[in-house]
Amino acid sequence: MAEAIERWKTEYLPARRRYIYNTQIVGRGGEIPLPQTGGGPTTSYFI
């Protein structure tokens, strides 16, 4: 069982992540947003 789980994590998941990233990001018509750039928020709402 442990060997099957390890194979699933090393063989299936990386390929699945690549597929999702390459087909589902916003820049390619998907719903996953692109990474945000820049620093943290400029307004503090906790003053």
C-alpha atoms as a PDB file:
ATOM      1  CA  MET A   1       0.000   0.000   0.000  1.00  0.00           C
ATOM      2  CA  ALA A   2       2.786   2.426   0.881  1.00  0.00           C
ATOM      3  CA  GLU A   3       4.485   1.719  -2.445  1.00  0.00           C
ATOM      4  CA  ALA A   4       1.272   2.489  -4.325  1.00  0.00           C
ATOM      5  CA  ILE A   5       0.850   5.780  -2.467  1.00  0.00           C
ATOM      6  CA  GLU A   6       4.462   6.736  -3.163  1.00  0.00           C
ATOM      7  CA  ARG A   7       4.053   5.961  -6.876  1.00  0.00           C
ATOM      8  CA  TRP A   8       0.845   8.006  -6.959  1.00  0.00           C
ATOM      9  CA  LYS A   9       2.649  10.971  -5.398  1.00  0.00           C
ATOM     10  CA  THR A  10       5.721  10.741  -7.648  1.00  0.00           C
ATOM     11  CA  GLU A  11       4.157   9.669 -10.959  1.00  0.00           C
ATOM     12  CA  TYR A  12       0.557  10.899 -11.060  1.00  0.00           C
ATOM     13  CA  LEU A  13       0.572  14.144  -9.083  1.00  0.00           C
ATOM     14  CA  PRO A  14       3.424  15.963 -10.878  1.00  0.00           C
ATOM     15  CA  ALA A  15       1.887  15.249 -14.288  1.00  0.00           C
ATOM     16  CA  ARG A  16      -1.560  16.254 -13.050  1.00  0.00           C
ATOM     17  CA  ARG A  17      -0.212  19.526 -11.612  1.00  0.00           C
ATOM     18  CA  ARG A  18       1.511  20.324 -14.917  1.00  0.00           C
ATOM     19  CA  TYR A  19      -1.685  19.570 -16.852  1.00  0.00           C
ATOM     20  CA  ILE A  20      -3.839  21.739 -14.583  1.00  0.00           C
ATOM     21  CA  TYR A  21      -1.350  24.609 -14.642  1.00  0.00           C
ATOM     22  CA  ASN A  22      -0.974  24.453 -18.426  1.00  0.00           C
ATOM     23  CA  THR A  23      -4.709  24.311 -19.148  1.00  0.00           C
ATOM     24  CA  GLN A  24      -6.566  26.012 -16.302  1.00  0.00           C
ATOM     25  CA  ILE A  25      -4.788  29.318 -15.595  1.00  0.00           C
ATOM     26  CA  VAL A  26      -6.598  32.558 -16.420  1.00  0.00           C
ATOM     27  CA  GLY A  27      -4.154  33.436 -19.187  1.00  0.00           C
ATOM     28  CA  ARG A  28      -5.271  30.312 -21.032  1.00  0.00           C
ATOM     29  CA  GLY A  29      -9.002  30.517 -20.422  1.00  0.00           C
ATOM     30  CA  GLY A  30      -9.094  28.757 -17.062  1.00  0.00           C
ATOM     31  CA  GLU A  31     -10.121  29.826 -13.584  1.00  0.00           C
ATOM     32  CA  ILE A  32      -6.847  29.642 -11.612  1.00  0.00           C
ATOM     33  CA  PRO A  33      -5.505  33.194 -11.166  1.00  0.00           C
ATOM     34  CA  LEU A  34      -1.976  34.072 -12.163  1.00  0.00           C
ATOM     35  CA  PRO A  35       0.537  34.689  -9.345  1.00  0.00           C
ATOM     36  CA  GLN A  36       0.365  38.134  -7.812  1.00  0.00           C
ATOM     37  CA  THR A  37       3.414  40.381  -7.908  1.00  0.00           C
ATOM     38  CA  GLY A  38       4.476  43.147  -5.589  1.00  0.00           C
ATOM     39  CA  GLY A  39       4.635  43.527  -1.857  1.00  0.00           C
ATOM     40  CA  GLY A  40       2.015  43.372   0.816  1.00  0.00           C
ATOM     41  CA  PRO A  41      -0.995  45.633   1.167  1.00  0.00           C
ATOM     42  CA  THR A  42      -0.362  49.355   1.335  1.00  0.00           C
ATOM     43  CA  THR A  43      -3.371  50.109   3.533  1.00  0.00           C
ATOM     44  CA  SER A  44      -3.685  48.785   7.058  1.00  0.00           C
ATOM     45  CA  TYR A  45      -7.282  48.201   8.110  1.00  0.00           C
ATOM     46  CA  PHE A  46      -6.314  47.291  11.686  1.00  0.00           C
ATOM     47  CA  ILE A  47      -5.340  50.735  13.001  1.00  0.00           C
END
